[in-house]
Amino acid sequence: MKTIRPYKRTDRVANEIKGILGNIHTHQVDLSYLGFITFSKVTVSPDLKNAKVFFTVLNEKQPLNILEIELNRKSKIFRKHLADFLDIKYIPKLKFFYDDTLLHEQKINKLLSKINDKD
């Protein structure tokens, strides 16, 4: 009998990776010299071999492009630790990207407040 899952396997694996990466960041890999980094979203390819990790940063101590480069340099370390916690055939290759949705949200809010002020 086939069990009904609430969402796809790639989504479940992505959520698991996001939680594990947060744990690894807290306990094994020190990134405090870059600022306060959090992982906001993970997307995994259908074959589970590649993962895009989106991050946000507060109190950034380096420019965003350098943060992205530095995190991508540490992707092998994250992947090594990820293998200890994730029980799947292939451990995905990690690629880090800055999550700029907050910037877009602020721009939209400014535009909406300008519209409301005119009314």
Protein backbone atom coordinates (compact mmCIF):
# COMPACT_ATOMS: atom_id res chain seq x y z
CA MET A 1 0.00 0.00 0.00
CA LYS A 2 1.35 3.39 -0.98
CA THR A 3 1.52 5.97 1.79
CA ILE A 4 0.45 9.48 0.95
CA ARG A 5 3.11 12.06 1.76
CA PRO A 6 2.20 15.71 2.27
CA TYR A 7 4.86 16.93 -0.16
CA LYS A 8 7.60 15.75 -2.52
CA ARG A 9 10.76 13.97 -1.48
CA THR A 10 12.94 16.82 -2.71
CA ASP A 11 11.07 19.18 -0.37
CA ARG A 12 11.49 16.82 2.58
CA VAL A 13 15.21 16.40 1.87
CA ALA A 14 15.61 20.18 1.44
CA ASN A 15 13.96 20.85 4.81
CA GLU A 16 16.15 18.23 6.45
CA ILE A 17 19.30 19.74 4.90
CA LYS A 18 18.30 23.22 6.06
CA GLY A 19 17.91 22.04 9.65
CA ILE A 20 21.15 20.08 9.60
CA LEU A 21 23.10 22.99 8.09
CA GLY A 22 21.82 25.26 10.86
CA ASN A 23 22.99 22.73 13.42
CA ILE A 24 26.39 22.38 11.73
CA HIS A 25 26.74 26.17 11.59
CA THR A 26 25.96 26.42 15.29
CA HIS A 27 28.18 23.60 16.55
CA GLN A 28 30.97 22.83 14.07
CA VAL A 29 31.67 25.65 11.59
CA ASP A 30 32.30 29.13 12.96
CA LEU A 31 31.05 31.88 10.63
CA SER A 32 30.81 34.65 13.24
CA TYR A 33 33.60 36.61 11.55
CA LEU A 34 31.23 37.11 8.58
CA GLY A 35 28.22 38.28 10.60
CA PHE A 36 25.10 36.58 11.92
CA ILE A 37 24.25 34.15 9.12
CA THR A 38 21.06 32.11 8.89
CA PHE A 39 20.00 29.68 6.21
CA SER A 40 16.58 30.71 4.91
CA LYS A 41 15.82 28.21 2.16
CA VAL A 42 17.24 25.12 0.50
CA THR A 43 16.23 23.77 -2.89
CA VAL A 44 17.37 20.37 -4.08
CA SER A 45 17.60 19.10 -7.65
CA PRO A 46 15.29 16.20 -8.58
CA ASP A 47 18.21 13.74 -8.58
CA LEU A 48 19.23 14.97 -5.07
CA LYS A 49 22.83 15.57 -6.20
CA ASN A 50 22.83 19.39 -6.03
CA ALA A 51 21.43 21.82 -3.49
CA LYS A 52 21.09 25.59 -3.53
CA VAL A 53 21.35 27.06 -0.05
CA PHE A 54 19.99 30.58 0.42
CA PHE A 55 21.26 32.60 3.36
CA THR A 56 20.56 35.91 5.04
CA VAL A 57 22.93 37.92 7.19
CA LEU A 58 22.55 40.44 9.99
CA ASN A 59 25.41 42.66 11.16
CA GLU A 60 27.37 41.80 8.06
CA LYS A 61 31.08 42.25 8.58
CA GLN A 62 32.02 41.73 4.92
CA PRO A 63 30.39 42.79 1.62
CA LEU A 64 27.74 40.37 0.35
CA ASN A 65 29.79 39.13 -2.60
CA ILE A 66 32.66 38.21 -0.26
CA LEU A 67 30.23 36.48 2.10
CA GLU A 68 28.93 34.38 -0.77
CA ILE A 69 32.46 33.49 -1.90
CA GLU A 70 33.52 32.59 1.64
CA LEU A 71 30.50 30.36 2.22
CA ASN A 72 31.06 28.60 -1.10
CA ARG A 73 34.67 27.98 -0.06
CA LYS A 74 33.36 26.24 3.05
CA SER A 75 30.84 24.14 1.13
CA LYS A 76 33.08 21.06 1.30
CA ILE A 77 33.27 21.33 5.08
CA PHE A 78 29.49 21.66 5.31
CA ARG A 79 29.06 18.72 2.93
CA LYS A 80 31.43 16.56 5.00
CA HIS A 81 29.47 17.26 8.18
CA LEU A 82 26.18 16.87 6.33
CA ALA A 83 27.19 13.30 5.40
CA ASP A 84 27.31 12.43 9.11
CA PHE A 85 23.65 13.37 9.62
CA LEU A 86 21.93 12.78 6.28
CA ASP A 87 21.07 9.22 5.34
CA ILE A 88 20.70 9.27 1.55
CA LYS A 89 22.71 7.69 -1.27
CA TYR A 90 24.33 10.89 -2.56
CA ILE A 91 25.23 13.86 -0.41
CA PRO A 92 24.32 16.91 -2.50
CA LYS A 93 26.90 19.43 -3.64
CA LEU A 94 26.13 22.72 -1.91
CA LYS A 95 26.06 26.11 -3.60
CA PHE A 96 25.38 29.17 -1.43
CA PHE A 97 23.40 32.20 -2.59
CA TYR A 98 22.39 35.40 -0.81
CA ASP A 99 18.63 35.52 -0.24
CA ASP A 100 17.52 39.00 -1.29
CA THR A 101 13.80 38.54 -0.68
CA LEU A 102 13.95 40.90 2.31
CA LEU A 103 15.30 43.67 0.09
CA HIS A 104 12.50 43.11 -2.41
CA GLU A 105 9.95 43.11 0.40
CA GLN A 106 11.26 46.45 1.71
CA LYS A 107 11.09 48.00 -1.78
CA ILE A 108 7.51 46.82 -2.24
CA ASN A 109 6.53 48.14 1.20
CA LYS A 110 8.05 51.55 0.37
CA LEU A 111 6.12 51.68 -2.90
CA LEU A 112 2.89 50.68 -1.18
CA SER A 113 3.37 53.28 1.55
CA LYS A 114 3.94 55.96 -1.11
CA ILE A 115 0.68 54.95 -2.77
CA ASN A 116 -1.14 55.05 0.57
CA ASP A 117 0.33 58.48 1.37
CA LYS A 118 -0.96 59.91 -1.93
CA ASP A 119 -4.50 58.73 -1.13
